[in-house]
Amino acid sequence: MKKIINKKNNKNEPWFKWLTRELNSYEAFQDFESGKNPRDVAEDFISRNSTAISEVFENFDEEDKDTLDQFLKLTECEMHVFRILEKQIELRKKVRFVDFKKKKLRS
């Protein structure tokens, strides 16, 4: 992996560690609460970090591209896991339990 110059940490930090750290410290939930959608939040993140991202791209190579591809696959997998969990939670809300042992009273 190519190294990047980082303003806050080690000057030879790999770009994917920098990105992970910056994304984890980014206050995206504040943006969501103000009504922004995920795409707008992502664009704001890119805009705010454009200088550091430009430095990453200066030395981006095939190994870095492969790493990015793996991150994309992992992120897509995580999204699918969250969607499956979301559907299961919704299904649990819809399930009604019936007590078949209770006899129906006749009038």
Protein backbone atom coordinates (compact mmCIF):
# COMPACT_ATOMS: atom_id res chain seq x y z
CA MET A 1 0.00 0.00 0.00
CA LYS A 2 1.16 3.47 -0.74
CA LYS A 3 1.57 5.81 2.17
CA ILE A 4 0.02 9.24 2.51
CA ILE A 5 0.97 12.33 4.42
CA ASN A 6 -1.50 12.82 7.21
CA LYS A 7 -2.15 16.07 9.01
CA LYS A 8 -3.30 14.49 12.28
CA ASN A 9 -1.28 11.32 12.74
CA ASN A 10 1.71 9.37 11.52
CA LYS A 11 3.07 10.88 8.30
CA ASN A 12 3.35 7.44 6.70
CA GLU A 13 -0.09 6.12 7.46
CA PRO A 14 -1.64 3.81 4.82
CA TRP A 15 -4.54 5.49 3.04
CA PHE A 16 -7.13 2.88 4.07
CA LYS A 17 -6.30 3.33 7.78
CA TRP A 18 -6.56 7.08 7.35
CA LEU A 19 -9.91 6.73 5.56
CA THR A 20 -11.30 4.36 8.19
CA ARG A 21 -10.20 6.66 11.01
CA GLU A 22 -11.59 9.76 9.33
CA LEU A 23 -14.92 8.10 8.49
CA ASN A 24 -15.26 6.80 12.05
CA SER A 25 -14.66 10.27 13.48
CA TYR A 26 -16.94 12.02 10.98
CA GLU A 27 -20.19 13.15 12.57
CA ALA A 28 -22.49 11.78 9.87
CA PHE A 29 -25.41 11.28 12.26
CA GLN A 30 -25.62 15.02 12.85
CA ASP A 31 -26.01 15.46 9.10
CA PHE A 32 -28.67 12.72 8.97
CA GLU A 33 -30.59 14.43 11.79
CA SER A 34 -30.57 17.67 9.81
CA GLY A 35 -32.26 15.86 6.92
CA LYS A 36 -29.33 15.07 4.64
CA ASN A 37 -29.36 11.78 2.77
CA PRO A 38 -26.38 9.37 2.77
CA ARG A 39 -25.17 10.45 -0.68
CA ASP A 40 -25.04 14.12 0.39
CA VAL A 41 -23.23 13.20 3.61
CA ALA A 42 -20.67 11.23 1.60
CA GLU A 43 -20.15 14.15 -0.80
CA ASP A 44 -19.65 16.50 2.17
CA PHE A 45 -17.05 14.11 3.61
CA ILE A 46 -15.20 14.00 0.26
CA SER A 47 -15.34 17.78 -0.03
CA ARG A 48 -14.00 18.35 3.48
CA ASN A 49 -11.14 15.90 2.91
CA SER A 50 -10.38 16.75 -0.72
CA THR A 51 -6.74 17.73 -0.11
CA ALA A 52 -5.84 14.49 1.67
CA ILE A 53 -7.78 12.46 -0.91
CA SER A 54 -5.86 14.19 -3.70
CA GLU A 55 -2.64 13.10 -2.02
CA VAL A 56 -3.88 9.52 -1.96
CA PHE A 57 -4.59 9.55 -5.68
CA GLU A 58 -1.15 10.93 -6.54
CA ASN A 59 0.41 7.54 -5.78
CA PHE A 60 -2.56 5.21 -6.25
CA ASP A 61 -1.46 1.92 -7.87
CA GLU A 62 -2.93 -1.50 -8.73
CA GLU A 63 -2.45 -2.82 -5.19
CA ASP A 64 -4.39 0.17 -3.87
CA LYS A 65 -7.08 -0.42 -6.50
CA ASP A 66 -7.38 -4.05 -5.37
CA THR A 67 -7.69 -2.90 -1.75
CA LEU A 68 -10.41 -0.43 -2.73
CA ASP A 69 -12.27 -3.19 -4.61
CA GLN A 70 -12.15 -5.39 -1.50
CA PHE A 71 -13.48 -2.53 0.64
CA LEU A 72 -16.35 -2.07 -1.82
CA LYS A 73 -17.23 -5.76 -1.64
CA LEU A 74 -17.07 -5.76 2.15
CA THR A 75 -19.21 -2.63 2.38
CA GLU A 76 -21.79 -4.10 0.01
CA CYS A 77 -21.86 -7.31 2.05
CA GLU A 78 -22.38 -5.32 5.26
CA MET A 79 -25.24 -3.41 3.65
CA HIS A 80 -26.93 -6.69 2.68
CA VAL A 81 -26.50 -8.04 6.22
CA PHE A 82 -28.13 -4.91 7.65
CA ARG A 83 -31.01 -5.13 5.14
CA ILE A 84 -31.60 -8.80 6.04
CA LEU A 85 -31.62 -7.93 9.74
CA GLU A 86 -34.00 -5.05 9.06
CA LYS A 87 -36.40 -7.40 7.23
CA GLN A 88 -36.23 -9.96 10.03
CA ILE A 89 -37.07 -7.30 12.59
CA GLU A 90 -40.06 -6.18 10.50
CA LEU A 91 -41.24 -9.79 10.17
CA ARG A 92 -41.03 -10.27 13.94
CA LYS A 93 -43.37 -7.32 14.39
CA LYS A 94 -45.91 -8.90 12.04
CA VAL A 95 -45.93 -12.39 13.53
CA ARG A 96 -48.95 -13.14 15.68
CA PHE A 97 -48.83 -16.01 18.11
CA VAL A 98 -51.90 -18.18 18.33
CA ASP A 99 -52.61 -20.40 21.29
CA PHE A 100 -54.09 -23.51 19.71
CA LYS A 101 -54.66 -25.10 23.10
CA LYS A 102 -57.40 -22.61 23.94
CA LYS A 103 -60.80 -23.88 22.92
CA LYS A 104 -63.15 -21.57 21.19
CA LEU A 105 -66.24 -20.84 23.24
CA ARG A 106 -69.56 -21.49 21.56
CA SER A 107 -72.40 -19.14 22.14
